[in-house]
Amino acid sequence: MNMEKSGEGGGGTLNEKMEHTVSFPIKKEEGVNEAQRIILEVYQALKEKGYNPLNQLVGYLLSGEPAYITSHKNVRSLIKKVERDELIEELVRSYVNRTDLHDDTE
């Protein structure tokens, strides 16, 4: 199987290109962290309705299926206002900060 990229400027095989690390740009925002606020509101609403908030949030984050999130307190609509990658970014940031893994070079 030929793994070379077709078209102009292909230069190199797909395997060669996958050897490089791609940087994921993150917007730095000042003030209130909307993703954090939404995660907490959704978590609380899921808990109030008797769901396991962790399982439901993971299901939503992995699939993008809003049915994992309750409509109680309008949090299903609320969570769709933020991109899933922003929610994941916030969860990773929170984990790293709490486990003291970061080096303050954000």
PDB file of N, CA and C in Angstrom:
ATOM      1  N   MET A   1       0.844  -1.178   0.000  1.00  0.00           N
ATOM      2  CA  MET A   1       0.000   0.000   0.000  1.00  0.00           C
ATOM      3  C   MET A   1       0.886   1.237   0.000  1.00  0.00           C
ATOM      4  N   ASN A   2       0.616   2.151  -0.909  1.00  0.00           N
ATOM      5  CA  ASN A   2       1.386   3.378  -1.036  1.00  0.00           C
ATOM      6  C   ASN A   2       0.819   4.429  -0.099  1.00  0.00           C
ATOM      7  N   MET A   3       1.636   4.948   0.820  1.00  0.00           N
ATOM      8  CA  MET A   3       1.178   5.909   1.805  1.00  0.00           C
ATOM      9  C   MET A   3       1.538   7.343   1.427  1.00  0.00           C
ATOM     10  N   GLU A   4       2.018   7.553   0.200  1.00  0.00           N
ATOM     11  CA  GLU A   4       2.366   8.910  -0.191  1.00  0.00           C
ATOM     12  C   GLU A   4       1.121   9.740  -0.416  1.00  0.00           C
ATOM     13  N   LYS A   5       1.194  10.980  -0.028  1.00  0.00           N
ATOM     14  CA  LYS A   5       0.091  11.911  -0.203  1.00  0.00           C
ATOM     15  C   LYS A   5       0.065  12.369  -1.652  1.00  0.00           C
ATOM     16  N   SER A   6      -1.127  12.343  -2.242  1.00  0.00           N
ATOM     17  CA  SER A   6      -1.234  12.792  -3.625  1.00  0.00           C
ATOM     18  C   SER A   6      -1.451  14.292  -3.675  1.00  0.00           C
ATOM     19  N   GLY A   7      -1.192  14.873  -4.818  1.00  0.00           N
ATOM     20  CA  GLY A   7      -1.415  16.299  -4.989  1.00  0.00           C
ATOM     21  C   GLY A   7      -0.126  17.087  -4.861  1.00  0.00           C
ATOM     22  N   GLU A   8      -0.249  18.394  -5.033  1.00  0.00           N
ATOM     23  CA  GLU A   8       0.917  19.258  -4.992  1.00  0.00           C
ATOM     24  C   GLU A   8       1.446  19.408  -3.583  1.00  0.00           C
ATOM     25  N   GLY A   9       2.739  19.533  -3.462  1.00  0.00           N
ATOM     26  CA  GLY A   9       3.371  19.801  -2.180  1.00  0.00           C
ATOM     27  C   GLY A   9       3.294  18.641  -1.207  1.00  0.00           C
ATOM     28  N   GLY A  10       3.075  17.416  -1.711  1.00  0.00           N
ATOM     29  CA  GLY A  10       2.929  16.251  -0.859  1.00  0.00           C
ATOM     30  C   GLY A  10       4.186  15.914  -0.108  1.00  0.00           C
ATOM     31  N   GLY A  11       5.327  16.016  -0.730  1.00  0.00           N
ATOM     32  CA  GLY A  11       6.651  15.781  -0.174  1.00  0.00           C
ATOM     33  C   GLY A  11       6.725  14.881   1.035  1.00  0.00           C
ATOM     34  N   GLY A  12       7.006  13.620   0.857  1.00  0.00           N
ATOM     35  CA  GLY A  12       7.175  12.698   1.960  1.00  0.00           C
ATOM     36  C   GLY A  12       5.961  11.805   2.134  1.00  0.00           C
ATOM     37  N   THR A  13       6.199  10.715   2.846  1.00  0.00           N
ATOM     38  CA  THR A  13       5.113   9.774   3.059  1.00  0.00           C
ATOM     39  C   THR A  13       4.280  10.192   4.253  1.00  0.00           C
ATOM     40  N   LEU A  14       3.104   9.616   4.349  1.00  0.00           N
ATOM     41  CA  LEU A  14       2.216   9.886   5.474  1.00  0.00           C
ATOM     42  C   LEU A  14       2.889   9.491   6.780  1.00  0.00           C
ATOM     43  N   ASN A  15       3.588   8.358   6.780  1.00  0.00           N
ATOM     44  CA  ASN A  15       4.286   7.923   7.996  1.00  0.00           C
ATOM     45  C   ASN A  15       5.340   8.930   8.431  1.00  0.00           C
ATOM     46  N   GLU A  16       6.056   9.514   7.482  1.00  0.00           N
ATOM     47  CA  GLU A  16       7.060  10.523   7.817  1.00  0.00           C
ATOM     48  C   GLU A  16       6.408  11.753   8.429  1.00  0.00           C
ATOM     49  N   LYS A  17       5.257  12.150   7.893  1.00  0.00           N
ATOM     50  CA  LYS A  17       4.575  13.331   8.397  1.00  0.00           C
ATOM     51  C   LYS A  17       3.999  13.089   9.784  1.00  0.00           C
ATOM     52  N   MET A  18       3.633  11.862  10.095  1.00  0.00           N
ATOM     53  CA  MET A  18       3.051  11.553  11.393  1.00  0.00           C
ATOM     54  C   MET A  18       4.112  11.481  12.485  1.00  0.00           C
ATOM     55  N   GLU A  19       5.378  11.575  12.134  1.00  0.00           N
ATOM     56  CA  GLU A  19       6.470  11.542  13.103  1.00  0.00           C
ATOM     57  C   GLU A  19       6.572  12.854  13.868  1.00  0.00           C
ATOM     58  N   HIS A  20       6.005  13.922  13.340  1.00  0.00           N
ATOM     59  CA  HIS A  20       6.120  15.239  13.940  1.00  0.00           C
ATOM     60  C   HIS A  20       4.954  15.520  14.877  1.00  0.00           C
ATOM     61  N   THR A  21       5.243  16.216  15.945  1.00  0.00           N
ATOM     62  CA  THR A  21       4.199  16.601  16.894  1.00  0.00           C
ATOM     63  C   THR A  21       3.523  17.871  16.409  1.00  0.00           C
ATOM     64  N   VAL A  22       2.217  17.870  16.421  1.00  0.00           N
ATOM     65  CA  VAL A  22       1.447  19.028  16.011  1.00  0.00           C
ATOM     66  C   VAL A  22       1.063  19.808  17.263  1.00  0.00           C
ATOM     67  N   SER A  23       1.228  21.108  17.217  1.00  0.00           N
ATOM     68  CA  SER A  23       0.875  21.961  18.350  1.00  0.00           C
ATOM     69  C   SER A  23      -0.598  22.332  18.267  1.00  0.00           C
ATOM     70  N   PHE A  24      -1.299  22.236  19.408  1.00  0.00           N
ATOM     71  CA  PHE A  24      -2.719  22.574  19.449  1.00  0.00           C
ATOM     72  C   PHE A  24      -2.851  23.954  20.066  1.00  0.00           C
ATOM     73  N   PRO A  25      -3.295  24.938  19.285  1.00  0.00           N
ATOM     74  CA  PRO A  25      -3.392  26.309  19.803  1.00  0.00           C
ATOM     75  C   PRO A  25      -4.552  26.453  20.781  1.00  0.00           C
ATOM     76  N   ILE A  26      -4.299  27.130  21.890  1.00  0.00           N
ATOM     77  CA  ILE A  26      -5.327  27.366  22.898  1.00  0.00           C
ATOM     78  C   ILE A  26      -5.429  28.860  23.128  1.00  0.00           C
ATOM     79  N   LYS A  27      -6.672  29.351  23.075  1.00  0.00           N
ATOM     80  CA  LYS A  27      -6.900  30.767  23.323  1.00  0.00           C
ATOM     81  C   LYS A  27      -6.787  31.031  24.815  1.00  0.00           C
ATOM     82  N   LYS A  28      -5.990  32.029  25.168  1.00  0.00           N
ATOM     83  CA  LYS A  28      -5.927  32.463  26.556  1.00  0.00           C
ATOM     84  C   LYS A  28      -6.989  33.516  26.768  1.00  0.00           C
ATOM     85  N   GLU A  29      -7.836  33.289  27.750  1.00  0.00           N
ATOM     86  CA  GLU A  29      -8.894  34.245  28.029  1.00  0.00           C
ATOM     87  C   GLU A  29      -8.798  34.698  29.475  1.00  0.00           C
ATOM     88  N   GLU A  30      -9.062  35.948  29.660  1.00  0.00           N
ATOM     89  CA  GLU A  30      -9.052  36.523  30.994  1.00  0.00           C
ATOM     90  C   GLU A  30     -10.454  36.477  31.574  1.00  0.00           C
ATOM     91  N   GLY A  31     -10.557  36.533  32.890  1.00  0.00           N
ATOM     92  CA  GLY A  31     -11.863  36.622  33.530  1.00  0.00           C
ATOM     93  C   GLY A  31     -12.497  35.271  33.778  1.00  0.00           C
ATOM     94  N   VAL A  32     -13.815  35.266  33.767  1.00  0.00           N
ATOM     95  CA  VAL A  32     -14.589  34.078  34.091  1.00  0.00           C
ATOM     96  C   VAL A  32     -14.381  33.000  33.031  1.00  0.00           C
ATOM     97  N   ASN A  33     -14.129  31.790  33.477  1.00  0.00           N
ATOM     98  CA  ASN A  33     -13.945  30.674  32.575  1.00  0.00           C
ATOM     99  C   ASN A  33     -15.306  30.047  32.307  1.00  0.00           C
ATOM    100  N   GLU A  34     -15.853  30.293  31.129  1.00  0.00           N
ATOM    101  CA  GLU A  34     -17.192  29.820  30.786  1.00  0.00           C
ATOM    102  C   GLU A  34     -17.272  28.299  30.786  1.00  0.00           C
ATOM    103  N   ALA A  35     -16.241  27.632  30.274  1.00  0.00           N
ATOM    104  CA  ALA A  35     -16.257  26.171  30.223  1.00  0.00           C
ATOM    105  C   ALA A  35     -16.353  25.588  31.633  1.00  0.00           C
ATOM    106  N   GLN A  36     -15.598  26.132  32.557  1.00  0.00           N
ATOM    107  CA  GLN A  36     -15.621  25.645  33.936  1.00  0.00           C
ATOM    108  C   GLN A  36     -17.006  25.848  34.556  1.00  0.00           C
ATOM    109  N   ARG A  37     -17.566  27.011  34.349  1.00  0.00           N
ATOM    110  CA  ARG A  37     -18.891  27.328  34.892  1.00  0.00           C
ATOM    111  C   ARG A  37     -19.939  26.365  34.343  1.00  0.00           C
ATOM    112  N   ILE A  38     -19.890  26.092  33.052  1.00  0.00           N
ATOM    113  CA  ILE A  38     -20.868  25.208  32.422  1.00  0.00           C
ATOM    114  C   ILE A  38     -20.700  23.777  32.912  1.00  0.00           C
ATOM    115  N   ILE A  39     -19.473  23.307  33.013  1.00  0.00           N
ATOM    116  CA  ILE A  39     -19.234  21.953  33.519  1.00  0.00           C
ATOM    117  C   ILE A  39     -19.834  21.792  34.909  1.00  0.00           C
ATOM    118  N   LEU A  40     -19.625  22.777  35.767  1.00  0.00           N
ATOM    119  CA  LEU A  40     -20.148  22.701  37.133  1.00  0.00           C
ATOM    120  C   LEU A  40     -21.673  22.730  37.157  1.00  0.00           C
ATOM    121  N   GLU A  41     -22.275  23.566  36.338  1.00  0.00           N
ATOM    122  CA  GLU A  41     -23.744  23.624  36.278  1.00  0.00           C
ATOM    123  C   GLU A  41     -24.334  22.322  35.755  1.00  0.00           C
ATOM    124  N   VAL A  42     -23.736  21.770  34.714  1.00  0.00           N
ATOM    125  CA  VAL A  42     -24.212  20.513  34.140  1.00  0.00           C
ATOM    126  C   VAL A  42     -24.048  19.386  35.157  1.00  0.00           C
ATOM    127  N   TYR A  43     -22.907  19.350  35.799  1.00  0.00           N
ATOM    128  CA  TYR A  43     -22.633  18.323  36.813  1.00  0.00           C
ATOM    129  C   TYR A  43     -23.707  18.349  37.903  1.00  0.00           C
ATOM    130  N   GLN A  44     -24.006  19.529  38.410  1.00  0.00           N
ATOM    131  CA  GLN A  44     -24.989  19.672  39.478  1.00  0.00           C
ATOM    132  C   GLN A  44     -26.384  19.245  39.007  1.00  0.00           C
ATOM    133  N   ALA A  45     -26.777  19.645  37.819  1.00  0.00           N
ATOM    134  CA  ALA A  45     -28.095  19.281  37.293  1.00  0.00           C
ATOM    135  C   ALA A  45     -28.211  17.771  37.090  1.00  0.00           C
ATOM    136  N   LEU A  46     -27.158  17.142  36.587  1.00  0.00           N
ATOM    137  CA  LEU A  46     -27.166  15.692  36.409  1.00  0.00           C
ATOM    138  C   LEU A  46     -27.291  14.988  37.758  1.00  0.00           C
ATOM    139  N   LYS A  47     -26.569  15.492  38.738  1.00  0.00           N
ATOM    140  CA  LYS A  47     -26.612  14.918  40.082  1.00  0.00           C
ATOM    141  C   LYS A  47     -28.018  15.053  40.683  1.00  0.00           C
ATOM    142  N   GLU A  48     -28.625  16.224  40.514  1.00  0.00           N
ATOM    143  CA  GLU A  48     -29.973  16.467  41.029  1.00  0.00           C
ATOM    144  C   GLU A  48     -30.992  15.506  40.437  1.00  0.00           C
ATOM    145  N   LYS A  49     -30.795  15.130  39.182  1.00  0.00           N
ATOM    146  CA  LYS A  49     -31.736  14.231  38.510  1.00  0.00           C
ATOM    147  C   LYS A  49     -31.413  12.749  38.770  1.00  0.00           C
ATOM    148  N   GLY A  50     -30.366  12.475  39.547  1.00  0.00           N
ATOM    149  CA  GLY A  50     -30.049  11.102  39.911  1.00  0.00           C
ATOM    150  C   GLY A  50     -29.126  10.366  38.954  1.00  0.00           C
ATOM    151  N   TYR A  51     -28.545  11.077  38.007  1.00  0.00           N
ATOM    152  CA  TYR A  51     -27.601  10.464  37.077  1.00  0.00           C
ATOM    153  C   TYR A  51     -26.205  10.456  37.688  1.00  0.00           C
ATOM    154  N   ASN A  52     -25.340   9.603  37.135  1.00  0.00           N
ATOM    155  CA  ASN A  52     -23.930   9.642  37.492  1.00  0.00           C
ATOM    156  C   ASN A  52     -23.311  10.715  36.585  1.00  0.00           C
ATOM    157  N   PRO A  53     -23.004  11.900  37.139  1.00  0.00           N
ATOM    158  CA  PRO A  53     -22.525  13.012  36.299  1.00  0.00           C
ATOM    159  C   PRO A  53     -21.260  12.690  35.511  1.00  0.00           C
ATOM    160  N   LEU A  54     -20.353  11.948  36.117  1.00  0.00           N
ATOM    161  CA  LEU A  54     -19.108  11.612  35.435  1.00  0.00           C
ATOM    162  C   LEU A  54     -19.386  10.770  34.192  1.00  0.00           C
ATOM    163  N   ASN A  55     -20.185   9.720  34.350  1.00  0.00           N
ATOM    164  CA  ASN A  55     -20.505   8.860  33.201  1.00  0.00           C
ATOM    165  C   ASN A  55     -21.206   9.639  32.096  1.00  0.00           C
ATOM    166  N   GLN A  56     -22.150  10.494  32.467  1.00  0.00           N
ATOM    167  CA  GLN A  56     -22.913  11.242  31.479  1.00  0.00           C
ATOM    168  C   GLN A  56     -22.024  12.248  30.736  1.00  0.00           C
ATOM    169  N   LEU A  57     -21.165  12.938  31.476  1.00  0.00           N
ATOM    170  CA  LEU A  57     -20.261  13.905  30.833  1.00  0.00           C
ATOM    171  C   LEU A  57     -19.274  13.216  29.904  1.00  0.00           C
ATOM    172  N   VAL A  58     -18.734  12.082  30.332  1.00  0.00           N
ATOM    173  CA  VAL A  58     -17.809  11.338  29.467  1.00  0.00           C
ATOM    174  C   VAL A  58     -18.528  10.890  28.193  1.00  0.00           C
ATOM    175  N   GLY A  59     -19.741  10.377  28.343  1.00  0.00           N
ATOM    176  CA  GLY A  59     -20.517   9.969  27.173  1.00  0.00           C
ATOM    177  C   GLY A  59     -20.708  11.115  26.202  1.00  0.00           C
ATOM    178  N   TYR A  60     -21.047  12.284  26.733  1.00  0.00           N
ATOM    179  CA  TYR A  60     -21.239  13.458  25.876  1.00  0.00           C
ATOM    180  C   TYR A  60     -19.927  13.889  25.220  1.00  0.00           C
ATOM    181  N   LEU A  61     -18.861  13.961  26.002  1.00  0.00           N
ATOM    182  CA  LEU A  61     -17.586  14.437  25.464  1.00  0.00           C
ATOM    183  C   LEU A  61     -17.039  13.511  24.380  1.00  0.00           C
ATOM    184  N   LEU A  62     -17.236  12.217  24.552  1.00  0.00           N
ATOM    185  CA  LEU A  62     -16.728  11.266  23.557  1.00  0.00           C
ATOM    186  C   LEU A  62     -17.583  11.214  22.293  1.00  0.00           C
ATOM    187  N   SER A  63     -18.890  11.325  22.464  1.00  0.00           N
ATOM    188  CA  SER A  63     -19.781  11.122  21.319  1.00  0.00           C
ATOM    189  C   SER A  63     -20.333  12.410  20.708  1.00  0.00           C
ATOM    190  N   GLY A  64     -20.445  13.461  21.520  1.00  0.00           N
ATOM    191  CA  GLY A  64     -21.078  14.685  21.052  1.00  0.00           C
ATOM    192  C   GLY A  64     -22.596  14.601  21.083  1.00  0.00           C
ATOM    193  N   GLU A  65     -23.121  13.510  21.612  1.00  0.00           N
ATOM    194  CA  GLU A  65     -24.564  13.280  21.655  1.00  0.00           C
ATOM    195  C   GLU A  65     -25.177  14.008  22.854  1.00  0.00           C
ATOM    196  N   PRO A  66     -25.962  15.050  22.616  1.00  0.00           N
ATOM    197  CA  PRO A  66     -26.533  15.834  23.716  1.00  0.00           C
ATOM    198  C   PRO A  66     -27.517  15.059  24.589  1.00  0.00           C
ATOM    199  N   ALA A  67     -28.005  13.909  24.121  1.00  0.00           N
ATOM    200  CA  ALA A  67     -28.947  13.120  24.916  1.00  0.00           C
ATOM    201  C   ALA A  67     -28.310  12.612  26.214  1.00  0.00           C
ATOM    202  N   TYR A  68     -26.987  12.628  26.318  1.00  0.00           N
ATOM    203  CA  TYR A  68     -26.321  12.238  27.560  1.00  0.00           C
ATOM    204  C   TYR A  68     -26.531  13.284  28.656  1.00  0.00           C
ATOM    205  N   ILE A  69     -26.920  14.485  28.267  1.00  0.00           N
ATOM    206  CA  ILE A  69     -27.068  15.593  29.208  1.00  0.00           C
ATOM    207  C   ILE A  69     -28.548  15.876  29.437  1.00  0.00           C
ATOM    208  N   THR A  70     -28.940  15.990  30.682  1.00  0.00           N
ATOM    209  CA  THR A  70     -30.329  16.258  31.022  1.00  0.00           C
ATOM    210  C   THR A  70     -30.756  17.646  30.530  1.00  0.00           C
ATOM    211  N   SER A  71     -32.047  17.786  30.315  1.00  0.00           N
ATOM    212  CA  SER A  71     -32.573  19.109  29.963  1.00  0.00           C
ATOM    213  C   SER A  71     -32.966  19.889  31.216  1.00  0.00           C
ATOM    214  N   HIS A  72     -32.849  19.235  32.389  1.00  0.00           N
ATOM    215  CA  HIS A  72     -33.137  19.883  33.669  1.00  0.00           C
ATOM    216  C   HIS A  72     -32.307  21.164  33.790  1.00  0.00           C
ATOM    217  N   LYS A  73     -32.944  22.238  34.183  1.00  0.00           N
ATOM    218  CA  LYS A  73     -32.302  23.550  34.332  1.00  0.00           C
ATOM    219  C   LYS A  73     -31.682  24.050  33.028  1.00  0.00           C
ATOM    220  N   ASN A  74     -32.152  23.510  31.905  1.00  0.00           N
ATOM    221  CA  ASN A  74     -31.710  23.933  30.576  1.00  0.00           C
ATOM    222  C   ASN A  74     -30.213  23.695  30.321  1.00  0.00           C
ATOM    223  N   VAL A  75     -29.618  22.728  31.033  1.00  0.00           N
ATOM    224  CA  VAL A  75     -28.176  22.522  30.869  1.00  0.00           C
ATOM    225  C   VAL A  75     -27.808  21.829  29.553  1.00  0.00           C
ATOM    226  N   ARG A  76     -28.754  21.128  28.934  1.00  0.00           N
ATOM    227  CA  ARG A  76     -28.453  20.525  27.624  1.00  0.00           C
ATOM    228  C   ARG A  76     -28.170  21.632  26.605  1.00  0.00           C
ATOM    229  N   SER A  77     -28.983  22.663  26.628  1.00  0.00           N
ATOM    230  CA  SER A  77     -28.747  23.804  25.730  1.00  0.00           C
ATOM    231  C   SER A  77     -27.481  24.550  26.133  1.00  0.00           C
ATOM    232  N   LEU A  78     -27.255  24.654  27.410  1.00  0.00           N
ATOM    233  CA  LEU A  78     -26.090  25.375  27.923  1.00  0.00           C
ATOM    234  C   LEU A  78     -24.782  24.726  27.475  1.00  0.00           C
ATOM    235  N   ILE A  79     -24.697  23.398  27.593  1.00  0.00           N
ATOM    236  CA  ILE A  79     -23.437  22.720  27.264  1.00  0.00           C
ATOM    237  C   ILE A  79     -23.116  22.804  25.776  1.00  0.00           C
ATOM    238  N   LYS A  80     -24.160  22.940  24.943  1.00  0.00           N
ATOM    239  CA  LYS A  80     -23.927  23.034  23.494  1.00  0.00           C
ATOM    240  C   LYS A  80     -23.381  24.404  23.082  1.00  0.00           C
ATOM    241  N   LYS A  81     -23.345  25.357  24.007  1.00  0.00           N
ATOM    242  CA  LYS A  81     -22.800  26.687  23.704  1.00  0.00           C
ATOM    243  C   LYS A  81     -21.276  26.700  23.683  1.00  0.00           C
ATOM    244  N   VAL A  82     -20.663  25.642  24.222  1.00  0.00           N
ATOM    245  CA  VAL A  82     -19.207  25.556  24.293  1.00  0.00           C
ATOM    246  C   VAL A  82     -18.757  24.336  23.495  1.00  0.00           C
ATOM    247  N   GLU A  83     -17.709  24.495  22.712  1.00  0.00           N
ATOM    248  CA  GLU A  83     -17.172  23.381  21.930  1.00  0.00           C
ATOM    249  C   GLU A  83     -16.647  22.300  22.881  1.00  0.00           C
ATOM    250  N   ARG A  84     -16.791  21.044  22.470  1.00  0.00           N
ATOM    251  CA  ARG A  84     -16.331  19.947  23.318  1.00  0.00           C
ATOM    252  C   ARG A  84     -14.832  20.029  23.595  1.00  0.00           C
ATOM    253  N   ASP A  85     -14.040  20.470  22.632  1.00  0.00           N
ATOM    254  CA  ASP A  85     -12.600  20.568  22.875  1.00  0.00           C
ATOM    255  C   ASP A  85     -12.285  21.584  23.970  1.00  0.00           C
ATOM    256  N   GLU A  86     -13.111  22.630  24.095  1.00  0.00           N
ATOM    257  CA  GLU A  86     -12.919  23.608  25.164  1.00  0.00           C
ATOM    258  C   GLU A  86     -13.254  23.000  26.524  1.00  0.00           C
ATOM    259  N   LEU A  87     -14.268  22.152  26.567  1.00  0.00           N
ATOM    260  CA  LEU A  87     -14.630  21.475  27.815  1.00  0.00           C
ATOM    261  C   LEU A  87     -13.516  20.516  28.231  1.00  0.00           C
ATOM    262  N   ILE A  88     -12.993  19.771  27.262  1.00  0.00           N
ATOM    263  CA  ILE A  88     -11.895  18.839  27.551  1.00  0.00           C
ATOM    264  C   ILE A  88     -10.664  19.604  28.010  1.00  0.00           C
ATOM    265  N   GLU A  89     -10.377  20.717  27.343  1.00  0.00           N
ATOM    266  CA  GLU A  89      -9.237  21.557  27.739  1.00  0.00           C
ATOM    267  C   GLU A  89      -9.370  21.991  29.191  1.00  0.00           C
ATOM    268  N   GLU A  90     -10.561  22.415  29.582  1.00  0.00           N
ATOM    269  CA  GLU A  90     -10.792  22.854  30.953  1.00  0.00           C
ATOM    270  C   GLU A  90     -10.614  21.706  31.943  1.00  0.00           C
ATOM    271  N   LEU A  91     -11.104  20.531  31.597  1.00  0.00           N
ATOM    272  CA  LEU A  91     -10.951  19.375  32.477  1.00  0.00           C
ATOM    273  C   LEU A  91      -9.480  18.997  32.648  1.00  0.00           C
ATOM    274  N   VAL A  92      -8.728  19.022  31.561  1.00  0.00           N
ATOM    275  CA  VAL A  92      -7.292  18.705  31.638  1.00  0.00           C
ATOM    276  C   VAL A  92      -6.568  19.767  32.449  1.00  0.00           C
ATOM    277  N   ARG A  93      -6.881  21.045  32.208  1.00  0.00           N
ATOM    278  CA  ARG A  93      -6.248  22.135  32.956  1.00  0.00           C
ATOM    279  C   ARG A  93      -6.522  21.984  34.451  1.00  0.00           C
ATOM    280  N   SER A  94      -7.757  21.696  34.802  1.00  0.00           N
ATOM    281  CA  SER A  94      -8.136  21.529  36.194  1.00  0.00           C
ATOM    282  C   SER A  94      -7.392  20.359  36.825  1.00  0.00           C
ATOM    283  N   TYR A  95      -7.306  19.255  36.107  1.00  0.00           N
ATOM    284  CA  TYR A  95      -6.596  18.083  36.619  1.00  0.00           C
ATOM    285  C   TYR A  95      -5.122  18.389  36.843  1.00  0.00           C
ATOM    286  N   VAL A  96      -4.503  18.992  35.861  1.00  0.00           N
ATOM    287  CA  VAL A  96      -3.073  19.306  35.966  1.00  0.00           C
ATOM    288  C   VAL A  96      -2.822  20.273  37.121  1.00  0.00           C
ATOM    289  N   ASN A  97      -3.658  21.293  37.247  1.00  0.00           N
ATOM    290  CA  ASN A  97      -3.489  22.261  38.341  1.00  0.00           C
ATOM    291  C   ASN A  97      -3.662  21.602  39.708  1.00  0.00           C
ATOM    292  N   ARG A  98      -4.620  20.712  39.813  1.00  0.00           N
ATOM    293  CA  ARG A  98      -4.880  20.062  41.105  1.00  0.00           C
ATOM    294  C   ARG A  98      -3.843  19.024  41.458  1.00  0.00           C
ATOM    295  N   THR A  99      -3.207  18.422  40.467  1.00  0.00           N
ATOM    296  CA  THR A  99      -2.199  17.417  40.752  1.00  0.00           C
ATOM    297  C   THR A  99      -0.793  18.013  40.741  1.00  0.00           C
ATOM    298  N   ASP A 100      -0.739  19.328  40.584  1.00  0.00           N
ATOM    299  CA  ASP A 100       0.532  20.053  40.632  1.00  0.00           C
ATOM    300  C   ASP A 100       1.530  19.582  39.577  1.00  0.00           C
ATOM    301  N   LEU A 101       1.015  19.289  38.380  1.00  0.00           N
ATOM    302  CA  LEU A 101       1.877  18.845  37.285  1.00  0.00           C
ATOM    303  C   LEU A 101       2.336  19.967  36.379  1.00  0.00           C
ATOM    304  N   HIS A 102       1.659  21.100  36.439  1.00  0.00           N
ATOM    305  CA  HIS A 102       2.000  22.182  35.500  1.00  0.00           C
ATOM    306  C   HIS A 102       3.211  22.965  36.003  1.00  0.00           C
ATOM    307  N   ASP A 103       3.816  23.697  35.069  1.00  0.00           N
ATOM    308  CA  ASP A 103       5.024  24.462  35.402  1.00  0.00           C
ATOM    309  C   ASP A 103       4.843  25.956  35.209  1.00  0.00           C
ATOM    310  N   ASP A 104       3.601  26.417  35.174  1.00  0.00           N
ATOM    311  CA  ASP A 104       3.278  27.845  35.043  1.00  0.00           C
ATOM    312  C   ASP A 104       3.820  28.479  33.769  1.00  0.00           C
ATOM    313  N   THR A 105       4.013  27.692  32.694  1.00  0.00           N
ATOM    314  CA  THR A 105       4.520  28.265  31.441  1.00  0.00           C
ATOM    315  C   THR A 105       3.424  28.384  30.408  1.00  0.00           C
ATOM    316  N   GLU A 106       2.179  28.376  30.826  1.00  0.00           N
ATOM    317  CA  GLU A 106       1.060  28.472  29.890  1.00  0.00           C
ATOM    318  C   GLU A 106       1.309  29.595  28.981  1.00  0.00           C
TER     319      GLU A 106
END
